[in-house]
């Protein structure tokens, strides 16, 4: 992900029912390009959604965990 300005960054992973199964608070990140790895070891195979929150920006995408 790329930040135009310095922002507090949080990533939440939810299951199909909307229950938060993972949460990462990455703190304040400077402007620029960044990457994150999601440790899915504790998750069962299936469809999940991840939401990236950075300042006023919020974006949700679907991800599939295959084991």
PDB file of N, CA and C in Angstrom:
ATOM      1  N   UNK A   1       0.846  -1.178   0.000  1.00  0.00           N
ATOM      2  CA  UNK A   1       0.000   0.000   0.000  1.00  0.00           C
ATOM      3  C   UNK A   1       0.883   1.229   0.000  1.00  0.00           C
ATOM      4  N   UNK A   2       0.337   2.321  -0.472  1.00  0.00           N
ATOM      5  CA  UNK A   2       1.093   3.560  -0.567  1.00  0.00           C
ATOM      6  C   UNK A   2       0.338   4.676   0.155  1.00  0.00           C
ATOM      7  N   UNK A   3       1.043   5.400   1.009  1.00  0.00           N
ATOM      8  CA  UNK A   3       0.451   6.496   1.770  1.00  0.00           C
ATOM      9  C   UNK A   3       0.902   7.830   1.204  1.00  0.00           C
ATOM     10  N   UNK A   4      -0.051   8.709   0.995  1.00  0.00           N
ATOM     11  CA  UNK A   4       0.275  10.054   0.520  1.00  0.00           C
ATOM     12  C   UNK A   4       0.822  10.907   1.669  1.00  0.00           C
ATOM     13  N   UNK A   5       0.334  10.639   2.881  1.00  0.00           N
ATOM     14  CA  UNK A   5       0.747  11.374   4.080  1.00  0.00           C
ATOM     15  C   UNK A   5       1.023  10.387   5.199  1.00  0.00           C
ATOM     16  N   UNK A   6       1.749  10.820   6.194  1.00  0.00           N
ATOM     17  CA  UNK A   6       1.963  10.013   7.383  1.00  0.00           C
ATOM     18  C   UNK A   6       0.613   9.707   8.021  1.00  0.00           C
ATOM     19  N   UNK A   7       0.379   8.424   8.379  1.00  0.00           N
ATOM     20  CA  UNK A   7      -0.921   8.026   8.916  1.00  0.00           C
ATOM     21  C   UNK A   7      -0.786   6.870   9.881  1.00  0.00           C
ATOM     22  N   UNK A   8      -1.755   6.768  10.796  1.00  0.00           N
ATOM     23  CA  UNK A   8      -1.902   5.587  11.638  1.00  0.00           C
ATOM     24  C   UNK A   8      -2.453   4.479  10.747  1.00  0.00           C
ATOM     25  N   UNK A   9      -1.842   3.299  10.815  1.00  0.00           N
ATOM     26  CA  UNK A   9      -2.248   2.198   9.937  1.00  0.00           C
ATOM     27  C   UNK A   9      -2.726   1.024  10.779  1.00  0.00           C
ATOM     28  N   UNK A  10      -3.905   0.488  10.404  1.00  0.00           N
ATOM     29  CA  UNK A  10      -4.458  -0.684  11.059  1.00  0.00           C
ATOM     30  C   UNK A  10      -4.994  -1.627   9.992  1.00  0.00           C
ATOM     31  N   UNK A  11      -4.827  -2.927  10.223  1.00  0.00           N
ATOM     32  CA  UNK A  11      -5.356  -3.937   9.316  1.00  0.00           C
ATOM     33  C   UNK A  11      -6.188  -4.911  10.135  1.00  0.00           C
ATOM     34  N   UNK A  12      -7.421  -5.157   9.699  1.00  0.00           N
ATOM     35  CA  UNK A  12      -8.295  -6.125  10.354  1.00  0.00           C
ATOM     36  C   UNK A  12      -8.667  -7.203   9.360  1.00  0.00           C
ATOM     37  N   UNK A  13      -8.673  -8.448   9.812  1.00  0.00           N
ATOM     38  CA  UNK A  13      -9.121  -9.577   8.997  1.00  0.00           C
ATOM     39  C   UNK A  13     -10.376 -10.116   9.653  1.00  0.00           C
ATOM     40  N   UNK A  14     -11.446 -10.246   8.859  1.00  0.00           N
ATOM     41  CA  UNK A  14     -12.711 -10.757   9.374  1.00  0.00           C
ATOM     42  C   UNK A  14     -13.117 -12.012   8.612  1.00  0.00           C
ATOM     43  N   UNK A  15     -13.898 -12.852   9.291  1.00  0.00           N
ATOM     44  CA  UNK A  15     -14.423 -14.042   8.618  1.00  0.00           C
ATOM     45  C   UNK A  15     -15.723 -13.672   7.907  1.00  0.00           C
ATOM     46  N   UNK A  16     -16.388 -14.649   7.320  1.00  0.00           N
ATOM     47  CA  UNK A  16     -17.597 -14.404   6.538  1.00  0.00           C
ATOM     48  C   UNK A  16     -18.751 -13.857   7.385  1.00  0.00           C
ATOM     49  N   UNK A  17     -18.701 -14.051   8.699  1.00  0.00           N
ATOM     50  CA  UNK A  17     -19.767 -13.544   9.567  1.00  0.00           C
ATOM     51  C   UNK A  17     -19.476 -12.131  10.065  1.00  0.00           C
ATOM     52  N   UNK A  18     -18.299 -11.597   9.736  1.00  0.00           N
ATOM     53  CA  UNK A  18     -17.916 -10.262  10.181  1.00  0.00           C
ATOM     54  C   UNK A  18     -17.138 -10.242  11.475  1.00  0.00           C
ATOM     55  N   UNK A  19     -16.840 -11.407  12.026  1.00  0.00           N
ATOM     56  CA  UNK A  19     -16.073 -11.504  13.272  1.00  0.00           C
ATOM     57  C   UNK A  19     -14.602 -11.218  12.983  1.00  0.00           C
ATOM     58  N   UNK A  20     -13.981 -10.340  13.760  1.00  0.00           N
ATOM     59  CA  UNK A  20     -12.559 -10.030  13.587  1.00  0.00           C
ATOM     60  C   UNK A  20     -11.745 -11.221  14.075  1.00  0.00           C
ATOM     61  N   UNK A  21     -10.907 -11.776  13.182  1.00  0.00           N
ATOM     62  CA  UNK A  21     -10.089 -12.932  13.525  1.00  0.00           C
ATOM     63  C   UNK A  21      -8.614 -12.571  13.680  1.00  0.00           C
ATOM     64  N   UNK A  22      -8.189 -11.492  13.073  1.00  0.00           N
ATOM     65  CA  UNK A  22      -6.824 -10.981  13.222  1.00  0.00           C
ATOM     66  C   UNK A  22      -6.871  -9.461  13.202  1.00  0.00           C
ATOM     67  N   UNK A  23      -5.974  -8.836  13.950  1.00  0.00           N
ATOM     68  CA  UNK A  23      -5.923  -7.380  13.957  1.00  0.00           C
ATOM     69  C   UNK A  23      -4.470  -6.953  14.130  1.00  0.00           C
ATOM     70  N   UNK A  24      -4.040  -6.055  13.289  1.00  0.00           N
ATOM     71  CA  UNK A  24      -2.674  -5.544  13.340  1.00  0.00           C
ATOM     72  C   UNK A  24      -2.738  -4.026  13.458  1.00  0.00           C
ATOM     73  N   UNK A  25      -2.120  -3.471  14.491  1.00  0.00           N
ATOM     74  CA  UNK A  25      -1.983  -2.027  14.616  1.00  0.00           C
ATOM     75  C   UNK A  25      -0.526  -1.717  14.314  1.00  0.00           C
ATOM     76  N   UNK A  26      -0.273  -1.120  13.164  1.00  0.00           N
ATOM     77  CA  UNK A  26       1.103  -0.874  12.724  1.00  0.00           C
ATOM     78  C   UNK A  26       1.619   0.493  13.149  1.00  0.00           C
ATOM     79  N   UNK A  27       0.799   1.261  13.868  1.00  0.00           N
ATOM     80  CA  UNK A  27       1.255   2.561  14.352  1.00  0.00           C
ATOM     81  C   UNK A  27       1.324   3.582  13.234  1.00  0.00           C
ATOM     82  N   UNK A  28       2.049   4.652  13.488  1.00  0.00           N
ATOM     83  CA  UNK A  28       2.174   5.740  12.517  1.00  0.00           C
ATOM     84  C   UNK A  28       3.233   5.385  11.483  1.00  0.00           C
ATOM     85  N   UNK A  29       2.848   5.382  10.222  1.00  0.00           N
ATOM     86  CA  UNK A  29       3.761   5.089   9.120  1.00  0.00           C
ATOM     87  C   UNK A  29       3.972   6.352   8.300  1.00  0.00           C
ATOM     88  N   UNK A  30       5.187   6.606   7.826  1.00  0.00           N
ATOM     89  CA  UNK A  30       5.440   7.799   7.010  1.00  0.00           C
ATOM     90  C   UNK A  30       4.854   7.643   5.604  1.00  0.00           C
ATOM     91  N   UNK A  31       4.764   8.736   4.898  1.00  0.00           N
ATOM     92  CA  UNK A  31       4.304   8.698   3.507  1.00  0.00           C
ATOM     93  C   UNK A  31       5.239   7.807   2.696  1.00  0.00           C
ATOM     94  N   UNK A  32       4.684   7.139   1.688  1.00  0.00           N
ATOM     95  CA  UNK A  32       5.491   6.278   0.828  1.00  0.00           C
ATOM     96  C   UNK A  32       4.895   4.889   0.704  1.00  0.00           C
ATOM     97  N   UNK A  33       5.652   3.992   0.081  1.00  0.00           N
ATOM     98  CA  UNK A  33       5.191   2.628  -0.154  1.00  0.00           C
ATOM     99  C   UNK A  33       5.545   1.734   1.033  1.00  0.00           C
ATOM    100  N   UNK A  34       4.597   0.866   1.370  1.00  0.00           N
ATOM    101  CA  UNK A  34       4.764  -0.056   2.487  1.00  0.00           C
ATOM    102  C   UNK A  34       4.181  -1.411   2.107  1.00  0.00           C
ATOM    103  N   UNK A  35       4.544  -2.439   2.840  1.00  0.00           N
ATOM    104  CA  UNK A  35       3.933  -3.753   2.645  1.00  0.00           C
ATOM    105  C   UNK A  35       3.731  -4.392   4.014  1.00  0.00           C
ATOM    106  N   UNK A  36       2.800  -5.353   4.045  1.00  0.00           N
ATOM    107  CA  UNK A  36       2.510  -6.080   5.273  1.00  0.00           C
ATOM    108  C   UNK A  36       2.311  -7.539   4.924  1.00  0.00           C
ATOM    109  N   UNK A  37       2.718  -8.399   5.819  1.00  0.00           N
ATOM    110  CA  UNK A  37       2.436  -9.819   5.679  1.00  0.00           C
ATOM    111  C   UNK A  37       1.387 -10.196   6.708  1.00  0.00           C
ATOM    112  N   UNK A  38       0.455 -11.039   6.281  1.00  0.00           N
ATOM    113  CA  UNK A  38      -0.597 -11.514   7.171  1.00  0.00           C
ATOM    114  C   UNK A  38      -0.291 -12.963   7.519  1.00  0.00           C
ATOM    115  N   UNK A  39      -0.116 -13.248   8.803  1.00  0.00           N
ATOM    116  CA  UNK A  39       0.143 -14.614   9.239  1.00  0.00           C
ATOM    117  C   UNK A  39      -1.192 -15.344   9.350  1.00  0.00           C
ATOM    118  N   UNK A  40      -1.446 -16.255   8.411  1.00  0.00           N
ATOM    119  CA  UNK A  40      -2.722 -16.974   8.362  1.00  0.00           C
ATOM    120  C   UNK A  40      -2.645 -18.345   9.027  1.00  0.00           C
ATOM    121  N   UNK A  41      -1.569 -18.603   9.741  1.00  0.00           N
ATOM    122  CA  UNK A  41      -1.363 -19.919  10.363  1.00  0.00           C
ATOM    123  C   UNK A  41      -2.528 -20.318  11.272  1.00  0.00           C
ATOM    124  N   UNK A  42      -3.110 -19.346  11.968  1.00  0.00           N
ATOM    125  CA  UNK A  42      -4.185 -19.656  12.916  1.00  0.00           C
ATOM    126  C   UNK A  42      -5.567 -19.727  12.254  1.00  0.00           C
ATOM    127  N   UNK A  43      -5.649 -19.455  10.960  1.00  0.00           N
ATOM    128  CA  UNK A  43      -6.932 -19.441  10.266  1.00  0.00           C
ATOM    129  C   UNK A  43      -7.191 -20.755   9.544  1.00  0.00           C
ATOM    130  N   UNK A  44      -8.462 -21.139   9.478  1.00  0.00           N
ATOM    131  CA  UNK A  44      -8.861 -22.298   8.689  1.00  0.00           C
ATOM    132  C   UNK A  44      -8.931 -21.877   7.227  1.00  0.00           C
ATOM    133  N   UNK A  45      -8.873 -22.848   6.323  1.00  0.00           N
ATOM    134  CA  UNK A  45      -9.040 -22.557   4.899  1.00  0.00           C
ATOM    135  C   UNK A  45     -10.413 -21.934   4.681  1.00  0.00           C
ATOM    136  N   UNK A  46     -10.483 -20.943   3.812  1.00  0.00           N
ATOM    137  CA  UNK A  46     -11.761 -20.311   3.523  1.00  0.00           C
ATOM    138  C   UNK A  46     -11.595 -18.900   3.018  1.00  0.00           C
ATOM    139  N   UNK A  47     -12.725 -18.194   2.938  1.00  0.00           N
ATOM    140  CA  UNK A  47     -12.756 -16.822   2.452  1.00  0.00           C
ATOM    141  C   UNK A  47     -12.791 -15.865   3.640  1.00  0.00           C
ATOM    142  N   UNK A  48     -11.975 -14.839   3.570  1.00  0.00           N
ATOM    143  CA  UNK A  48     -11.887 -13.811   4.601  1.00  0.00           C
ATOM    144  C   UNK A  48     -11.865 -12.449   3.923  1.00  0.00           C
ATOM    145  N   UNK A  49     -12.031 -11.419   4.703  1.00  0.00           N
ATOM    146  CA  UNK A  49     -11.934 -10.046   4.214  1.00  0.00           C
ATOM    147  C   UNK A  49     -10.904  -9.308   5.049  1.00  0.00           C
ATOM    148  N   UNK A  50     -10.091  -8.492   4.395  1.00  0.00           N
ATOM    149  CA  UNK A  50      -9.150  -7.663   5.142  1.00  0.00           C
ATOM    150  C   UNK A  50      -9.470  -6.204   4.872  1.00  0.00           C
ATOM    151  N   UNK A  51      -9.399  -5.402   5.919  1.00  0.00           N
ATOM    152  CA  UNK A  51      -9.689  -3.976   5.831  1.00  0.00           C
ATOM    153  C   UNK A  51      -8.456  -3.208   6.269  1.00  0.00           C
ATOM    154  N   UNK A  52      -7.958  -2.372   5.371  1.00  0.00           N
ATOM    155  CA  UNK A  52      -6.822  -1.506   5.658  1.00  0.00           C
ATOM    156  C   UNK A  52      -7.362  -0.125   5.995  1.00  0.00           C
ATOM    157  N   UNK A  53      -6.971   0.372   7.159  1.00  0.00           N
ATOM    158  CA  UNK A  53      -7.375   1.707   7.592  1.00  0.00           C
ATOM    159  C   UNK A  53      -6.114   2.537   7.769  1.00  0.00           C
ATOM    160  N   UNK A  54      -6.075   3.680   7.089  1.00  0.00           N
ATOM    161  CA  UNK A  54      -4.931   4.582   7.185  1.00  0.00           C
ATOM    162  C   UNK A  54      -5.472   6.009   7.171  1.00  0.00           C
ATOM    163  N   UNK A  55      -5.482   6.648   8.326  1.00  0.00           N
ATOM    164  CA  UNK A  55      -6.083   7.973   8.405  1.00  0.00           C
ATOM    165  C   UNK A  55      -7.560   7.868   8.069  1.00  0.00           C
ATOM    166  N   UNK A  56      -8.033   8.666   7.106  1.00  0.00           N
ATOM    167  CA  UNK A  56      -9.439   8.619   6.700  1.00  0.00           C
ATOM    168  C   UNK A  56      -9.681   7.595   5.590  1.00  0.00           C
ATOM    169  N   UNK A  57      -8.628   6.965   5.093  1.00  0.00           N
ATOM    170  CA  UNK A  57      -8.745   5.963   4.031  1.00  0.00           C
ATOM    171  C   UNK A  57      -9.125   4.607   4.626  1.00  0.00           C
ATOM    172  N   UNK A  58     -10.133   3.966   4.042  1.00  0.00           N
ATOM    173  CA  UNK A  58     -10.548   2.621   4.445  1.00  0.00           C
ATOM    174  C   UNK A  58     -10.833   1.832   3.178  1.00  0.00           C
ATOM    175  N   UNK A  59     -10.240   0.643   3.054  1.00  0.00           N
ATOM    176  CA  UNK A  59     -10.468  -0.207   1.885  1.00  0.00           C
ATOM    177  C   UNK A  59     -10.556  -1.657   2.334  1.00  0.00           C
ATOM    178  N   UNK A  60     -11.560  -2.357   1.839  1.00  0.00           N
ATOM    179  CA  UNK A  60     -11.764  -3.770   2.181  1.00  0.00           C
ATOM    180  C   UNK A  60     -11.633  -4.614   0.927  1.00  0.00           C
ATOM    181  N   UNK A  61     -10.902  -5.706   1.037  1.00  0.00           N
ATOM    182  CA  UNK A  61     -10.704  -6.646  -0.068  1.00  0.00           C
ATOM    183  C   UNK A  61     -10.948  -8.063   0.438  1.00  0.00           C
ATOM    184  N   UNK A  62     -11.213  -8.968  -0.494  1.00  0.00           N
ATOM    185  CA  UNK A  62     -11.432 -10.369  -0.160  1.00  0.00           C
ATOM    186  C   UNK A  62     -10.120 -11.135  -0.320  1.00  0.00           C
ATOM    187  N   UNK A  63      -9.921 -12.130   0.522  1.00  0.00           N
ATOM    188  CA  UNK A  63      -8.750 -12.991   0.391  1.00  0.00           C
ATOM    189  C   UNK A  63      -9.174 -14.431   0.650  1.00  0.00           C
ATOM    190  N   UNK A  64      -8.466 -15.350   0.044  1.00  0.00           N
ATOM    191  CA  UNK A  64      -8.740 -16.774   0.216  1.00  0.00           C
ATOM    192  C   UNK A  64      -7.538 -17.407   0.878  1.00  0.00           C
ATOM    193  N   UNK A  65      -7.795 -18.139   1.955  1.00  0.00           N
ATOM    194  CA  UNK A  65      -6.750 -18.894   2.647  1.00  0.00           C
ATOM    195  C   UNK A  65      -6.891 -20.350   2.218  1.00  0.00           C
ATOM    196  N   UNK A  66      -5.840 -20.878   1.622  1.00  0.00           N
ATOM    197  CA  UNK A  66      -5.836 -22.279   1.178  1.00  0.00           C
ATOM    198  C   UNK A  66      -4.779 -23.024   1.984  1.00  0.00           C
ATOM    199  N   UNK A  67      -5.113 -24.197   2.428  1.00  0.00           N
ATOM    200  CA  UNK A  67      -4.155 -24.980   3.225  1.00  0.00           C
ATOM    201  C   UNK A  67      -4.012 -26.356   2.632  1.00  0.00           C
TER     202      UNK A  67
END
